[in-house]
Amino acid sequence: MDSKIKTRLLIISDTHGMDFRPADRPLQRADVAIHCGDLTDGSKLEEFRTSIQLLKDINAPLKLAIAGNHDFTLDIPAFGKKVAEATPPLDPELVAKEYGAPGEARQLLEEAKAAAIIFLDEGTHHFTLESGALLTVYASPYTPALGAWGFQYPPERGHKFPIKEGIDVAITHGPPKGIMDYTYGRERAGCPDLFAAVARAKPRVHCFGHIHEGWGAKLVTWRNCYGEQPTHFTAIDNDRSPVVEKLAGLEPSRFDTQEDAEQKMKKLERHSRDRCCTTSHCVGDEYPLEIGEQTLFVNASISGSEGLPVQRPWLVDVELPRAGRTGK
């Protein structure tokens, strides 16, 4: 019996309280659907209900979700601080109607367990899939502070991400520094502590969102030696780290040749037809994932820009260990 099981992940992030349009809803079956946070835009109860329904409508027997900075009512201290510091003071009845009482949004997510939607707190979680595969994930909603939102930490203090060796998929809201984290202002908004943790643990997949313009995927090959504190300058073998896709490979540019424009149009048509961007890294594929040597990074932000309003979900095939087997 094969010790590895091919497993399909459907990865999305930053839906911000919006549902898919009927023409954009992914139809493929996945073994696991993953939402990397920002289920809502303003953390309102109705937005949580919409996101829960979005997850229910995905064809997967297991759906995993984490919070993002916009989901601040799930961070009860941040929620209380935001309400207390509002100027002018907010009407308590209006707050309760729109945002719920402290813990009410979390209760909606707890009730969604009946639909196989599992909301993950920060930490390590283990799942045995219907296929018999064992999935071990690390989850964290925390991002460097930017405004009065939830699940944030002061950048100068950093944050500890205890990602252990043997993690299959790291699910975080924000990107690691240096990986699909460029903002429109050409600044890197990722977290260096997160990058260092991922570089040490080397999971099969690290998926995230938060930086919408960083949408894309990259198969990173790790260097064997990178010093005491790994960075994207020291830990990545760039010559062996192909970009699977990025927005610059899809969005029209005034510098495009006719051939470039035609290639972009073909890719956009294919993604529209599939309703997803697909990539596979199993034995026999062009780029099979080398366990412990490579990590597939995926920025799955759905919210797009004026140039490309719909950023497609990612459909990713990888191999996971069979439950009951030890090692990777």
Protein backbone atom coordinates (compact mmCIF):
# COMPACT_ATOMS: atom_id res chain seq x y z
CA MET A 1 0.00 0.00 0.00
CA ASP A 2 1.33 3.42 -0.99
CA SER A 3 2.47 5.44 2.03
CA LYS A 4 1.39 8.73 0.37
CA ILE A 5 -2.08 9.82 -0.70
CA LYS A 6 -2.72 12.45 -3.36
CA THR A 7 -4.72 15.23 -1.70
CA ARG A 8 -6.49 18.21 -3.23
CA LEU A 9 -6.61 21.52 -1.35
CA LEU A 10 -8.91 24.40 -2.34
CA ILE A 11 -7.38 27.55 -0.86
CA ILE A 12 -9.01 30.98 -0.53
CA SER A 13 -8.48 34.08 1.58
CA ASP A 14 -9.77 37.61 2.05
CA THR A 15 -13.33 37.15 0.86
CA HIS A 16 -14.28 40.09 3.12
CA GLY A 17 -17.89 39.12 3.71
CA MET A 18 -18.65 38.55 0.02
CA ASP A 19 -19.90 35.37 -1.60
CA PHE A 20 -18.74 34.09 -4.97
CA ARG A 21 -20.76 35.20 -7.96
CA PRO A 22 -22.49 32.14 -9.49
CA ALA A 23 -20.14 32.27 -12.49
CA ASP A 24 -17.07 32.32 -10.24
CA ARG A 25 -17.97 29.73 -7.60
CA PRO A 26 -15.43 26.86 -7.75
CA LEU A 27 -17.07 23.58 -8.69
CA GLN A 28 -14.26 21.05 -8.29
CA ARG A 29 -14.31 18.66 -5.37
CA ALA A 30 -11.45 19.04 -2.92
CA ASP A 31 -10.39 16.91 0.01
CA VAL A 32 -9.93 20.02 2.14
CA ALA A 33 -10.99 23.65 1.69
CA ILE A 34 -8.92 26.28 3.50
CA HIS A 35 -9.85 29.91 4.23
CA CYS A 36 -6.84 31.97 5.35
CA GLY A 37 -8.75 34.73 7.12
CA ASP A 38 -10.56 38.01 6.60
CA LEU A 39 -13.84 36.18 6.44
CA THR A 40 -15.40 39.62 6.84
CA ASP A 41 -14.70 43.23 5.94
CA GLY A 42 -16.11 44.91 9.05
CA SER A 43 -16.60 41.88 11.34
CA LYS A 44 -20.39 42.14 11.19
CA LEU A 45 -22.56 39.15 12.03
CA GLU A 46 -24.19 39.15 8.61
CA GLU A 47 -20.76 38.98 6.97
CA PHE A 48 -19.85 35.95 9.07
CA ARG A 49 -23.10 34.29 8.00
CA THR A 50 -22.27 34.95 4.35
CA SER A 51 -18.78 33.48 4.73
CA ILE A 52 -20.12 30.42 6.50
CA GLN A 53 -22.56 29.85 3.65
CA LEU A 54 -19.72 30.32 1.14
CA LEU A 55 -17.78 27.56 2.89
CA LYS A 56 -20.85 25.31 3.10
CA ASP A 57 -21.28 25.61 -0.67
CA ILE A 58 -17.72 24.42 -1.41
CA ASN A 59 -17.56 20.75 -2.41
CA ALA A 60 -15.22 19.42 0.27
CA PRO A 61 -15.81 17.13 3.25
CA LEU A 62 -13.61 19.28 5.50
CA LYS A 63 -13.35 23.08 5.57
CA LEU A 64 -10.74 24.84 7.72
CA ALA A 65 -10.83 28.56 8.50
CA ILE A 66 -8.82 31.05 10.51
CA ALA A 67 -9.43 34.68 11.43
CA GLY A 68 -7.81 37.71 9.84
CA ASN A 69 -7.28 41.23 11.08
CA HIS A 70 -10.68 42.34 9.72
CA ASP A 71 -12.41 39.69 11.85
CA PHE A 72 -11.78 41.73 14.98
CA THR A 73 -14.89 40.67 16.92
CA LEU A 74 -13.25 37.22 17.23
CA ASP A 75 -10.42 38.95 19.12
CA ILE A 76 -12.51 39.94 22.12
CA PRO A 77 -9.96 42.29 23.77
CA ALA A 78 -9.45 44.10 20.44
CA PHE A 79 -13.23 44.28 19.94
CA GLY A 80 -13.75 45.80 23.38
CA LYS A 81 -10.95 48.32 22.85
CA LYS A 82 -12.31 49.34 19.46
CA VAL A 83 -15.78 49.98 20.88
CA ALA A 84 -14.47 51.77 23.98
CA GLU A 85 -12.26 54.13 21.95
CA ALA A 86 -14.85 55.00 19.29
CA THR A 87 -15.55 58.72 18.88
CA PRO A 88 -18.36 59.66 19.19
CA PRO A 89 -19.41 56.80 21.51
CA LEU A 90 -21.32 54.00 19.81
CA ASP A 91 -24.91 53.06 20.61
CA PRO A 92 -24.68 49.74 22.53
CA GLU A 93 -27.89 48.45 20.92
CA LEU A 94 -26.56 49.18 17.44
CA VAL A 95 -23.26 47.46 18.27
CA ALA A 96 -25.10 44.40 19.53
CA LYS A 97 -27.30 44.29 16.42
CA GLU A 98 -24.48 44.67 13.86
CA TYR A 99 -21.55 42.97 15.61
CA GLY A 100 -23.15 40.88 18.32
CA ALA A 101 -22.17 40.51 21.94
CA PRO A 102 -18.59 39.43 22.73
CA GLY A 103 -18.29 35.80 21.67
CA GLU A 104 -21.39 35.79 19.46
CA ALA A 105 -19.45 35.70 16.16
CA ARG A 106 -17.37 32.82 17.50
CA GLN A 107 -20.56 30.97 18.39
CA LEU A 108 -21.71 31.18 14.77
CA LEU A 109 -18.46 29.49 13.72
CA GLU A 110 -18.77 26.86 16.45
CA GLU A 111 -22.27 26.02 15.21
CA ALA A 112 -20.85 25.63 11.68
CA LYS A 113 -18.98 22.50 12.84
CA ALA A 114 -22.16 20.62 11.96
CA ALA A 115 -21.36 21.49 8.31
CA ALA A 116 -17.73 20.27 8.68
CA ILE A 117 -16.42 23.85 9.02
CA ILE A 118 -13.66 23.93 11.61
CA PHE A 119 -12.46 27.27 12.93
CA LEU A 120 -8.82 27.03 13.99
CA ASP A 121 -7.21 28.92 16.84
CA GLU A 122 -3.47 29.51 16.79
CA GLY A 123 -1.56 26.26 17.15
CA THR A 124 -1.13 22.78 15.70
CA HIS A 125 -4.10 20.66 14.60
CA HIS A 126 -4.38 17.10 13.28
CA PHE A 127 -7.00 15.66 10.91
CA THR A 128 -7.57 12.25 9.36
CA LEU A 129 -9.18 12.82 5.98
CA GLU A 130 -11.86 10.72 4.29
CA SER A 131 -9.17 9.43 1.93
CA GLY A 132 -7.16 8.04 4.84
CA ALA A 133 -4.52 10.75 4.62
CA LEU A 134 -3.20 12.40 7.77
CA LEU A 135 -3.14 16.21 7.65
CA THR A 136 -1.20 18.20 10.23
CA VAL A 137 -1.61 21.97 10.09
CA TYR A 138 -0.29 24.96 11.95
CA ALA A 139 -2.65 27.96 12.10
CA SER A 140 -2.15 31.57 13.12
CA PRO A 141 -4.26 34.69 12.47
CA TYR A 142 -1.61 37.16 13.71
CA THR A 143 -0.15 39.92 11.53
CA PRO A 144 2.02 43.00 12.19
CA ALA A 145 -0.13 45.87 13.51
CA LEU A 146 -1.54 48.26 10.95
CA GLY A 147 -4.48 50.26 12.29
CA ALA A 148 -7.00 49.27 14.95
CA TRP A 149 -7.81 45.71 13.91
CA GLY A 150 -7.73 42.26 15.48
CA PHE A 151 -5.04 39.65 16.01
CA GLN A 152 -2.16 42.09 15.62
CA TYR A 153 1.21 42.55 17.29
CA PRO A 154 3.67 45.46 17.32
CA PRO A 155 6.16 44.84 14.49
CA GLU A 156 9.07 45.93 16.68
CA ARG A 157 8.19 43.23 19.25
CA GLY A 158 7.54 40.51 16.71
CA HIS A 159 5.55 37.32 17.29
CA LYS A 160 6.53 33.74 17.97
CA PHE A 161 5.20 31.22 15.44
CA PRO A 162 5.92 27.75 16.91
CA ILE A 163 5.74 25.79 13.66
CA LYS A 164 7.11 22.31 14.31
CA GLU A 165 8.85 19.97 11.91
CA GLY A 166 6.32 17.57 10.44
CA ILE A 167 3.69 20.22 9.73
CA ASP A 168 2.12 19.57 6.34
CA VAL A 169 0.34 22.90 5.83
CA ALA A 170 0.94 26.21 7.57
CA ILE A 171 -2.17 28.42 7.42
CA THR A 172 -1.57 32.04 8.37
CA HIS A 173 -3.41 35.22 7.57
CA GLY A 174 -0.34 37.20 6.64
CA PRO A 175 2.63 36.36 4.43
CA PRO A 176 6.19 35.76 5.53
CA LYS A 177 8.58 38.56 4.69
CA GLY A 178 9.95 38.23 1.20
CA ILE A 179 7.29 35.87 -0.21
CA MET A 180 4.43 37.39 -2.21
CA ASP A 181 4.20 40.29 0.24
CA TYR A 182 4.87 43.32 -1.97
CA THR A 183 2.28 46.07 -1.56
CA TYR A 184 1.28 48.47 -4.31
CA GLY A 185 3.68 50.90 -2.62
CA ARG A 186 6.50 48.40 -3.34
CA GLU A 187 7.04 47.71 0.34
CA ARG A 188 7.38 44.25 1.81
CA ALA A 189 4.62 43.80 4.38
CA GLY A 190 5.39 40.24 5.46
CA CYS A 191 6.65 39.13 8.87
CA PRO A 192 10.34 38.17 9.29
CA ASP A 193 9.56 36.01 12.34
CA LEU A 194 7.05 34.03 10.28
CA PHE A 195 9.55 33.55 7.48
CA ALA A 196 12.18 32.25 9.90
CA ALA A 197 9.70 29.81 11.46
CA VAL A 198 8.61 28.44 8.08
CA ALA A 199 12.20 28.19 6.82
CA ARG A 200 13.12 26.05 9.81
CA ALA A 201 10.03 23.79 9.69
CA LYS A 202 9.81 23.48 5.87
CA PRO A 203 6.14 22.45 5.58
CA ARG A 204 4.80 21.11 2.31
CA VAL A 205 2.54 24.15 1.85
CA HIS A 206 2.30 27.59 3.42
CA CYS A 207 -0.90 29.42 2.47
CA PHE A 208 -1.98 32.93 3.42
CA GLY A 209 -3.57 36.14 2.12
CA HIS A 210 -3.77 39.65 3.65
CA ILE A 211 -1.70 41.34 0.94
CA HIS A 212 -4.19 41.14 -1.91
CA GLU A 213 -1.74 42.32 -4.57
CA GLY A 214 0.62 39.47 -3.63
CA TRP A 215 -1.74 36.80 -5.04
CA GLY A 216 0.17 33.93 -6.60
CA ALA A 217 2.15 30.79 -5.89
CA LYS A 218 5.83 29.93 -5.76
CA LEU A 219 7.65 26.64 -5.18
CA VAL A 220 10.58 27.55 -2.95
CA THR A 221 13.67 25.36 -2.70
CA TRP A 222 15.51 25.82 0.58
CA ARG A 223 19.24 26.24 1.02
CA ASN A 224 20.93 23.86 3.45
CA CYS A 225 22.80 26.63 5.27
CA TYR A 226 21.31 30.03 6.02
CA GLY A 227 22.74 31.26 9.31
CA GLU A 228 21.18 31.70 12.73
CA GLN A 229 18.16 33.77 11.58
CA PRO A 230 16.87 32.70 8.15
CA THR A 231 15.72 35.47 5.80
CA HIS A 232 14.45 35.51 2.24
CA PHE A 233 17.93 36.65 1.20
CA THR A 234 19.80 33.78 2.84
CA ALA A 235 17.46 30.77 2.97
CA ILE A 236 16.04 30.51 -0.57
CA ASP A 237 17.76 28.91 -3.57
CA ASN A 238 16.29 31.30 -6.13
CA ASP A 239 17.70 29.42 -9.11
CA ARG A 240 15.59 26.41 -8.12
CA SER A 241 12.44 28.24 -6.94
CA PRO A 242 9.99 28.62 -9.86
CA VAL A 243 7.07 31.03 -9.73
CA VAL A 244 3.88 29.10 -10.48
CA GLU A 245 1.84 32.24 -11.15
CA LYS A 246 1.57 35.87 -10.06
CA LEU A 247 -0.61 38.85 -10.92
CA ALA A 248 2.04 40.36 -13.19
CA GLY A 249 1.68 37.25 -15.35
CA LEU A 250 -2.05 37.92 -15.80
CA GLU A 251 -2.68 41.67 -15.61
CA PRO A 252 -2.36 43.69 -18.83
CA SER A 253 0.63 46.03 -19.00
CA ARG A 254 1.53 48.78 -21.41
CA PHE A 255 4.88 47.04 -21.81
CA ASP A 256 3.30 43.81 -23.10
CA THR A 257 4.20 42.60 -26.55
CA GLN A 258 1.38 41.15 -28.62
CA GLU A 259 2.62 37.68 -27.70
CA ASP A 260 2.61 38.60 -23.99
CA ALA A 261 -0.95 39.93 -24.23
CA GLU A 262 -2.15 36.79 -26.01
CA GLN A 263 -0.51 34.52 -23.44
CA LYS A 264 -2.10 36.44 -20.59
CA MET A 265 -5.51 36.30 -22.24
CA LYS A 266 -5.21 32.52 -22.70
CA LYS A 267 -4.33 32.04 -19.04
CA LEU A 268 -7.19 34.27 -17.89
CA GLU A 269 -9.62 32.34 -20.10
CA ARG A 270 -8.36 29.05 -18.67
CA HIS A 271 -8.68 30.27 -15.09
CA SER A 272 -12.16 31.60 -15.82
CA ARG A 273 -13.20 28.28 -17.33
CA ASP A 274 -11.74 26.32 -14.39
CA ARG A 275 -12.89 28.95 -11.86
CA CYS A 276 -9.57 28.27 -10.11
CA CYS A 277 -5.86 28.48 -10.67
CA THR A 278 -4.53 24.92 -10.48
CA THR A 279 -1.13 23.47 -9.66
CA SER A 280 0.01 19.93 -8.87
CA HIS A 281 3.23 18.85 -7.18
CA CYS A 282 2.97 15.08 -6.92
CA VAL A 283 5.19 12.27 -8.19
CA GLY A 284 5.23 12.40 -11.99
CA ASP A 285 4.43 16.13 -12.20
CA GLU A 286 6.79 18.69 -13.73
CA TYR A 287 7.72 19.98 -10.27
CA PRO A 288 7.11 17.22 -7.71
CA LEU A 289 7.42 18.57 -4.18
CA GLU A 290 10.64 17.45 -2.47
CA ILE A 291 9.58 16.90 1.12
CA GLY A 292 11.84 18.69 3.58
CA GLU A 293 13.62 20.47 0.74
CA GLN A 294 10.82 22.61 -0.72
CA THR A 295 7.69 24.51 0.32
CA LEU A 296 4.85 25.63 -1.94
CA PHE A 297 3.83 29.15 -0.94
CA VAL A 298 0.31 30.27 -1.92
CA ASN A 299 -1.17 33.75 -1.54
CA ALA A 300 -4.87 33.07 -2.07
CA SER A 301 -6.37 36.56 -1.65
CA ILE A 302 -9.65 36.63 -3.55
CA SER A 303 -10.31 40.38 -3.37
CA GLY A 304 -8.77 41.88 -6.47
CA SER A 305 -8.05 45.26 -7.97
CA GLU A 306 -9.59 47.41 -10.68
CA GLY A 307 -7.38 45.72 -13.27
CA LEU A 308 -8.31 42.20 -12.17
CA PRO A 309 -11.33 42.31 -9.83
CA VAL A 310 -11.58 38.53 -9.49
CA GLN A 311 -8.51 36.72 -8.18
CA ARG A 312 -9.10 33.01 -8.47
CA PRO A 313 -8.96 30.44 -5.68
CA TRP A 314 -6.05 28.01 -5.75
CA LEU A 315 -6.59 24.31 -6.36
CA VAL A 316 -3.46 22.52 -5.18
CA ASP A 317 -2.58 18.81 -5.39
CA VAL A 318 0.06 17.47 -3.00
CA GLU A 319 0.81 14.12 -1.41
CA LEU A 320 0.16 13.57 2.30
CA PRO A 321 1.20 10.67 4.54
CA ARG A 322 -1.26 7.86 5.10
CA ALA A 323 -2.71 7.87 8.61
CA GLY A 324 -0.85 5.44 10.82
CA ARG A 325 2.45 5.92 9.00
CA THR A 326 5.31 7.74 10.69
CA GLY A 327 7.55 10.34 9.06
CA LYS A 328 6.85 12.58 6.12
